[in-house]
């Protein structure tokens, strides 16, 4: 299963950028999104920004990821 994660762009240098969410920063490539700016949100998969997101879409996406994480955490704890 593949997962794409929303990140906020905090720096850009050529085709490289740094994205951040919840204080965690990751180096990403922005080859597919040449018109991205600092402060914008992107969906990242396998180290590449693949889609530009609104802040609301990024928030909704992250909320859904956290809900799945919480559900799986409870499942794993019950199985242990």
Protein backbone atom coordinates (compact mmCIF):
# COMPACT_ATOMS: atom_id res chain seq x y z
CA UNK A 1 0.00 0.00 0.00
CA UNK A 2 1.28 3.45 -0.90
CA UNK A 3 0.69 6.59 1.08
CA UNK A 4 1.05 10.23 0.09
CA UNK A 5 1.47 12.81 2.85
CA UNK A 6 0.72 16.55 2.84
CA UNK A 7 3.65 18.85 3.62
CA UNK A 8 4.01 22.63 3.80
CA UNK A 9 6.85 24.01 1.67
CA UNK A 10 9.33 25.86 3.91
CA UNK A 11 12.26 26.33 1.50
CA UNK A 12 13.04 25.92 -2.19
CA UNK A 13 16.38 25.58 -3.97
CA UNK A 14 16.08 24.73 -7.65
CA UNK A 15 14.15 21.46 -8.01
CA UNK A 16 14.69 20.63 -4.33
CA UNK A 17 12.50 21.81 -1.50
CA UNK A 18 12.00 21.19 2.17
CA UNK A 19 8.53 20.33 3.41
CA UNK A 20 7.34 20.31 7.01
CA UNK A 21 4.44 18.92 8.99
CA UNK A 22 4.15 18.70 12.77
CA UNK A 23 7.73 19.93 13.17
CA UNK A 24 9.14 17.14 10.99
CA UNK A 25 11.05 18.34 7.91
CA UNK A 26 11.74 16.31 4.79
CA UNK A 27 13.73 16.99 1.63
CA UNK A 28 11.53 16.60 -1.42
CA UNK A 29 11.73 17.07 -5.18
CA UNK A 30 9.39 19.50 -6.91
CA UNK A 31 10.06 18.55 -10.54
CA UNK A 32 6.36 17.93 -11.22
CA UNK A 33 5.23 21.25 -9.69
CA UNK A 34 7.41 24.01 -11.16
CA UNK A 35 5.16 26.85 -9.90
CA UNK A 36 5.15 26.02 -6.20
CA UNK A 37 5.95 28.66 -3.58
CA UNK A 38 7.07 28.72 0.03
CA UNK A 39 4.06 28.43 2.33
CA UNK A 40 2.02 26.29 -0.06
CA UNK A 41 0.99 22.71 0.65
CA UNK A 42 1.83 19.73 -1.52
CA UNK A 43 1.03 16.04 -1.49
CA UNK A 44 4.27 14.03 -1.33
CA UNK A 45 4.79 10.45 -2.46
CA UNK A 46 8.17 8.68 -2.63
CA UNK A 47 9.98 11.96 -2.06
CA UNK A 48 8.24 13.83 -4.89
CA UNK A 49 5.62 16.55 -4.62
CA UNK A 50 2.85 15.22 -6.88
CA UNK A 51 -0.01 17.65 -6.29
CA UNK A 52 -0.58 21.15 -4.94
CA UNK A 53 -3.13 21.31 -2.09
CA UNK A 54 -5.11 24.03 -0.39
CA UNK A 55 -4.46 24.41 3.34
CA UNK A 56 -7.94 22.94 3.98
CA UNK A 57 -7.28 19.91 1.76
CA UNK A 58 -3.92 19.33 3.48
CA UNK A 59 -5.62 19.55 6.89
CA UNK A 60 -8.39 17.15 5.84
CA UNK A 61 -5.86 14.70 4.39
CA UNK A 62 -3.74 14.77 7.54
CA UNK A 63 -6.83 14.30 9.71
CA UNK A 64 -7.77 11.19 7.71
CA UNK A 65 -4.24 9.79 8.05
CA UNK A 66 -4.35 10.35 11.82
CA UNK A 67 -7.74 8.62 12.09
CA UNK A 68 -6.37 5.55 10.29
CA UNK A 69 -3.25 5.65 12.48
CA UNK A 70 -5.39 5.78 15.64
CA UNK A 71 -7.60 2.93 14.44
CA UNK A 72 -4.61 0.75 13.57
CA UNK A 73 -2.90 1.58 16.86
CA UNK A 74 -5.90 0.28 18.77
CA UNK A 75 -6.06 -2.82 16.59
CA UNK A 76 -2.37 -3.63 17.11
CA UNK A 77 -2.66 -3.12 20.88
CA UNK A 78 -5.67 -5.46 21.08
CA UNK A 79 -3.82 -8.14 19.08
CA UNK A 80 -0.66 -8.01 21.23
